[in-house]
Amino acid sequence: MSARQHGDVAAHDQASTHHYTVHYPAHPPREGDPHYRDFEHFRKATKDTAVCHFAERRHGDTSECDGGLELHHAHVEFSLQNGVDLAVLEADYPGISNPDEVGAWVESAANLVWYCARHHRGHGGVHTASASDFEASVYVRGLIG
């Protein structure tokens, strides 16, 4: 039976809490990282034309963006690079199977996108909301309040 036969569920708000432990592998401090220069090069080369990736996915609509632009490690955070399963990474990004090259890839354009502060670290941002909720928020305006 379809929802229409029983009536639609009324619009409603639902609080969500996600609590889990992330097991970070040992990693060097960001200061002194030899690949940080690659991150800085990408940042300097793209900052003047950068647009929040969330807005890009919305065909340029920045109406839900707020704050300055920040670079986000889209697939693997700097602090996780020493725990990467190279066989899995290699399958998605061919050529990245050498453990000595993972750090350079982590700080490269293949792993970096721009987000406004709200969509990066803010309430409902990529670092705050669940992956499914953040992804859905691109398509459902005002999903995360």
C-alpha atoms as a PDB file:
ATOM      1  CA  MET A   1       0.000   0.000   0.000  1.00  0.00           C
ATOM      2  CA  SER A   2       1.278   3.468  -0.784  1.00  0.00           C
ATOM      3  CA  ALA A   3       1.607   6.288   1.714  1.00  0.00           C
ATOM      4  CA  ARG A   4      -1.232   8.075  -0.067  1.00  0.00           C
ATOM      5  CA  GLN A   5      -3.643   5.299   0.878  1.00  0.00           C
ATOM      6  CA  HIS A   6      -2.835   5.829   4.552  1.00  0.00           C
ATOM      7  CA  GLY A   7      -2.212   9.580   4.350  1.00  0.00           C
ATOM      8  CA  ASP A   8       1.061  11.403   4.178  1.00  0.00           C
ATOM      9  CA  VAL A   9       3.257  11.833   7.232  1.00  0.00           C
ATOM     10  CA  ALA A  10       3.132  15.487   8.235  1.00  0.00           C
ATOM     11  CA  ALA A  11       6.290  17.561   8.020  1.00  0.00           C
ATOM     12  CA  HIS A  12       8.150  17.306  11.295  1.00  0.00           C
ATOM     13  CA  ASP A  13      11.455  17.992  13.021  1.00  0.00           C
ATOM     14  CA  GLN A  14      13.560  15.227  14.534  1.00  0.00           C
ATOM     15  CA  ALA A  15      16.649  15.710  16.662  1.00  0.00           C
ATOM     16  CA  SER A  16      19.593  13.514  15.685  1.00  0.00           C
ATOM     17  CA  THR A  17      22.684  12.776  17.698  1.00  0.00           C
ATOM     18  CA  HIS A  18      25.620  10.830  16.336  1.00  0.00           C
ATOM     19  CA  HIS A  19      28.202   9.662  18.826  1.00  0.00           C
ATOM     20  CA  TYR A  20      31.118   7.443  17.907  1.00  0.00           C
ATOM     21  CA  THR A  21      34.864   7.161  18.397  1.00  0.00           C
ATOM     22  CA  VAL A  22      37.319   7.827  15.582  1.00  0.00           C
ATOM     23  CA  HIS A  23      40.571   5.872  15.872  1.00  0.00           C
ATOM     24  CA  TYR A  24      43.259   8.181  14.462  1.00  0.00           C
ATOM     25  CA  PRO A  25      46.510   6.489  13.481  1.00  0.00           C
ATOM     26  CA  ALA A  26      49.768   8.049  14.648  1.00  0.00           C
ATOM     27  CA  HIS A  27      50.576  10.987  12.406  1.00  0.00           C
ATOM     28  CA  PRO A  28      53.059  13.825  12.219  1.00  0.00           C
ATOM     29  CA  PRO A  29      52.044  17.325  13.247  1.00  0.00           C
ATOM     30  CA  ARG A  30      50.828  19.481  10.381  1.00  0.00           C
ATOM     31  CA  GLU A  31      53.652  21.942  11.000  1.00  0.00           C
ATOM     32  CA  GLY A  32      56.723  20.734   9.200  1.00  0.00           C
ATOM     33  CA  ASP A  33      54.800  18.370   6.904  1.00  0.00           C
ATOM     34  CA  PRO A  34      56.798  18.334   3.651  1.00  0.00           C
ATOM     35  CA  HIS A  35      53.577  18.221   1.599  1.00  0.00           C
ATOM     36  CA  TYR A  36      51.931  21.180   3.298  1.00  0.00           C
ATOM     37  CA  ARG A  37      53.558  23.350   0.625  1.00  0.00           C
ATOM     38  CA  ASP A  38      51.380  21.523  -1.941  1.00  0.00           C
ATOM     39  CA  PHE A  39      48.261  22.387   0.072  1.00  0.00           C
ATOM     40  CA  GLU A  40      49.375  26.027   0.299  1.00  0.00           C
ATOM     41  CA  HIS A  41      50.176  26.131  -3.430  1.00  0.00           C
ATOM     42  CA  PHE A  42      46.694  24.822  -4.289  1.00  0.00           C
ATOM     43  CA  ARG A  43      45.110  27.274  -1.841  1.00  0.00           C
ATOM     44  CA  LYS A  44      46.965  30.282  -3.286  1.00  0.00           C
ATOM     45  CA  ALA A  45      46.380  29.212  -6.892  1.00  0.00           C
ATOM     46  CA  THR A  46      42.617  28.714  -6.496  1.00  0.00           C
ATOM     47  CA  LYS A  47      41.454  31.052  -3.704  1.00  0.00           C
ATOM     48  CA  ASP A  48      40.597  34.005  -5.981  1.00  0.00           C
ATOM     49  CA  THR A  49      38.180  31.950  -8.076  1.00  0.00           C
ATOM     50  CA  ALA A  50      37.056  29.509  -5.384  1.00  0.00           C
ATOM     51  CA  VAL A  51      33.361  28.841  -4.751  1.00  0.00           C
ATOM     52  CA  CYS A  52      31.834  26.769  -1.985  1.00  0.00           C
ATOM     53  CA  HIS A  53      31.507  23.218  -3.346  1.00  0.00           C
ATOM     54  CA  PHE A  54      28.031  23.011  -1.795  1.00  0.00           C
ATOM     55  CA  ALA A  55      26.997  26.062  -3.859  1.00  0.00           C
ATOM     56  CA  GLU A  56      28.663  24.630  -6.980  1.00  0.00           C
ATOM     57  CA  ARG A  57      26.527  21.523  -6.623  1.00  0.00           C
ATOM     58  CA  ARG A  58      23.496  23.825  -6.381  1.00  0.00           C
ATOM     59  CA  HIS A  59      24.396  25.468  -9.695  1.00  0.00           C
ATOM     60  CA  GLY A  60      25.907  28.541  -8.039  1.00  0.00           C
ATOM     61  CA  ASP A  61      23.239  29.132  -5.393  1.00  0.00           C
ATOM     62  CA  THR A  62      25.042  30.513  -2.339  1.00  0.00           C
ATOM     63  CA  SER A  63      21.868  31.350  -0.380  1.00  0.00           C
ATOM     64  CA  GLU A  64      22.718  28.837   2.373  1.00  0.00           C
ATOM     65  CA  CYS A  65      26.443  29.673   2.470  1.00  0.00           C
ATOM     66  CA  ASP A  66      27.982  31.680   5.292  1.00  0.00           C
ATOM     67  CA  GLY A  67      31.511  32.642   6.299  1.00  0.00           C
ATOM     68  CA  GLY A  68      34.782  32.656   4.436  1.00  0.00           C
ATOM     69  CA  LEU A  69      35.981  29.859   2.200  1.00  0.00           C
ATOM     70  CA  GLU A  70      38.064  27.040   3.665  1.00  0.00           C
ATOM     71  CA  LEU A  71      39.823  24.086   2.077  1.00  0.00           C
ATOM     72  CA  HIS A  72      38.480  20.645   2.937  1.00  0.00           C
ATOM     73  CA  HIS A  73      40.221  17.300   2.494  1.00  0.00           C
ATOM     74  CA  ALA A  74      37.412  15.637   0.555  1.00  0.00           C
ATOM     75  CA  HIS A  75      38.390  11.958   0.809  1.00  0.00           C
ATOM     76  CA  VAL A  76      41.214  11.507   3.327  1.00  0.00           C
ATOM     77  CA  GLU A  77      42.044  13.952   6.122  1.00  0.00           C
ATOM     78  CA  PHE A  78      45.687  14.763   6.768  1.00  0.00           C
ATOM     79  CA  SER A  79      45.534  13.060  10.181  1.00  0.00           C
ATOM     80  CA  LEU A  80      44.323   9.782   8.639  1.00  0.00           C
ATOM     81  CA  GLN A  81      46.912   9.333   5.909  1.00  0.00           C
ATOM     82  CA  ASN A  82      49.025   6.811   7.851  1.00  0.00           C
ATOM     83  CA  GLY A  83      46.028   4.499   8.221  1.00  0.00           C
ATOM     84  CA  VAL A  84      44.975   4.422   4.557  1.00  0.00           C
ATOM     85  CA  ASP A  85      44.378   0.996   3.025  1.00  0.00           C
ATOM     86  CA  LEU A  86      46.475   1.570  -0.102  1.00  0.00           C
ATOM     87  CA  ALA A  87      44.793  -1.202  -2.098  1.00  0.00           C
ATOM     88  CA  VAL A  88      41.389   0.436  -1.626  1.00  0.00           C
ATOM     89  CA  LEU A  89      42.730   3.930  -2.347  1.00  0.00           C
ATOM     90  CA  GLU A  90      44.529   2.619  -5.439  1.00  0.00           C
ATOM     91  CA  ALA A  91      41.264   1.160  -6.773  1.00  0.00           C
ATOM     92  CA  ASP A  92      39.563   4.566  -6.602  1.00  0.00           C
ATOM     93  CA  TYR A  93      42.630   6.703  -7.411  1.00  0.00           C
ATOM     94  CA  PRO A  94      45.030   4.721  -9.623  1.00  0.00           C
ATOM     95  CA  GLY A  95      48.668   5.510  -9.068  1.00  0.00           C
ATOM     96  CA  ILE A  96      48.381   6.069  -5.316  1.00  0.00           C
ATOM     97  CA  SER A  97      49.735   2.804  -3.951  1.00  0.00           C
ATOM     98  CA  ASN A  98      53.128   3.961  -2.738  1.00  0.00           C
ATOM     99  CA  PRO A  99      53.033   4.794   0.989  1.00  0.00           C
ATOM    100  CA  ASP A 100      55.643   7.503   0.408  1.00  0.00           C
ATOM    101  CA  GLU A 101      53.282   9.304  -2.007  1.00  0.00           C
ATOM    102  CA  VAL A 102      50.049   9.266   0.017  1.00  0.00           C
ATOM    103  CA  GLY A 103      50.938  12.477   1.833  1.00  0.00           C
ATOM    104  CA  ALA A 104      51.435  14.321  -1.455  1.00  0.00           C
ATOM    105  CA  TRP A 105      48.075  13.030  -2.745  1.00  0.00           C
ATOM    106  CA  VAL A 106      46.301  14.023   0.494  1.00  0.00           C
ATOM    107  CA  GLU A 107      47.433  17.624  -0.077  1.00  0.00           C
ATOM    108  CA  SER A 108      46.651  17.646  -3.830  1.00  0.00           C
ATOM    109  CA  ALA A 109      43.758  18.949  -5.928  1.00  0.00           C
ATOM    110  CA  ALA A 110      42.394  15.393  -6.183  1.00  0.00           C
ATOM    111  CA  ASN A 111      41.639  15.494  -2.442  1.00  0.00           C
ATOM    112  CA  LEU A 112      40.802  19.179  -1.860  1.00  0.00           C
ATOM    113  CA  VAL A 113      37.570  21.146  -2.264  1.00  0.00           C
ATOM    114  CA  TRP A 114      36.498  24.564  -1.049  1.00  0.00           C
ATOM    115  CA  TYR A 115      33.587  24.978   1.369  1.00  0.00           C
ATOM    116  CA  CYS A 116      32.280  28.076   3.102  1.00  0.00           C
ATOM    117  CA  ALA A 117      32.766  27.972   6.882  1.00  0.00           C
ATOM    118  CA  ARG A 118      29.141  26.904   7.393  1.00  0.00           C
ATOM    119  CA  HIS A 119      29.323  23.952   5.010  1.00  0.00           C
ATOM    120  CA  HIS A 120      32.800  22.970   6.202  1.00  0.00           C
ATOM    121  CA  ARG A 121      32.805  23.133  10.016  1.00  0.00           C
ATOM    122  CA  GLY A 122      29.474  24.707  10.882  1.00  0.00           C
ATOM    123  CA  HIS A 123      26.253  23.233  12.179  1.00  0.00           C
ATOM    124  CA  GLY A 124      25.229  20.748   9.479  1.00  0.00           C
ATOM    125  CA  GLY A 125      28.571  21.028   7.673  1.00  0.00           C
ATOM    126  CA  VAL A 126      30.564  18.211   6.117  1.00  0.00           C
ATOM    127  CA  HIS A 127      32.526  17.720   9.383  1.00  0.00           C
ATOM    128  CA  THR A 128      29.414  17.855  11.553  1.00  0.00           C
ATOM    129  CA  ALA A 129      26.435  16.165   9.878  1.00  0.00           C
ATOM    130  CA  SER A 130      26.271  12.502   8.939  1.00  0.00           C
ATOM    131  CA  ALA A 131      27.388  11.859   5.364  1.00  0.00           C
ATOM    132  CA  SER A 132      23.873  10.937   4.259  1.00  0.00           C
ATOM    133  CA  ASP A 133      22.319  14.031   5.847  1.00  0.00           C
ATOM    134  CA  PHE A 134      24.982  16.358   4.440  1.00  0.00           C
ATOM    135  CA  GLU A 135      24.557  14.878   0.951  1.00  0.00           C
ATOM    136  CA  ALA A 136      20.773  15.167   1.150  1.00  0.00           C
ATOM    137  CA  SER A 137      21.052  18.803   2.294  1.00  0.00           C
ATOM    138  CA  VAL A 138      22.361  19.694  -1.164  1.00  0.00           C
ATOM    139  CA  TYR A 139      18.962  18.689  -2.563  1.00  0.00           C
ATOM    140  CA  VAL A 140      16.608  19.529   0.327  1.00  0.00           C
ATOM    141  CA  ARG A 141      16.705  23.214   1.285  1.00  0.00           C
ATOM    142  CA  GLY A 142      16.878  23.884   4.993  1.00  0.00           C
ATOM    143  CA  LEU A 143      17.182  20.187   5.831  1.00  0.00           C
ATOM    144  CA  ILE A 144      19.587  20.685   8.729  1.00  0.00           C
ATOM    145  CA  GLY A 145      18.595  23.439  11.144  1.00  0.00           C
END
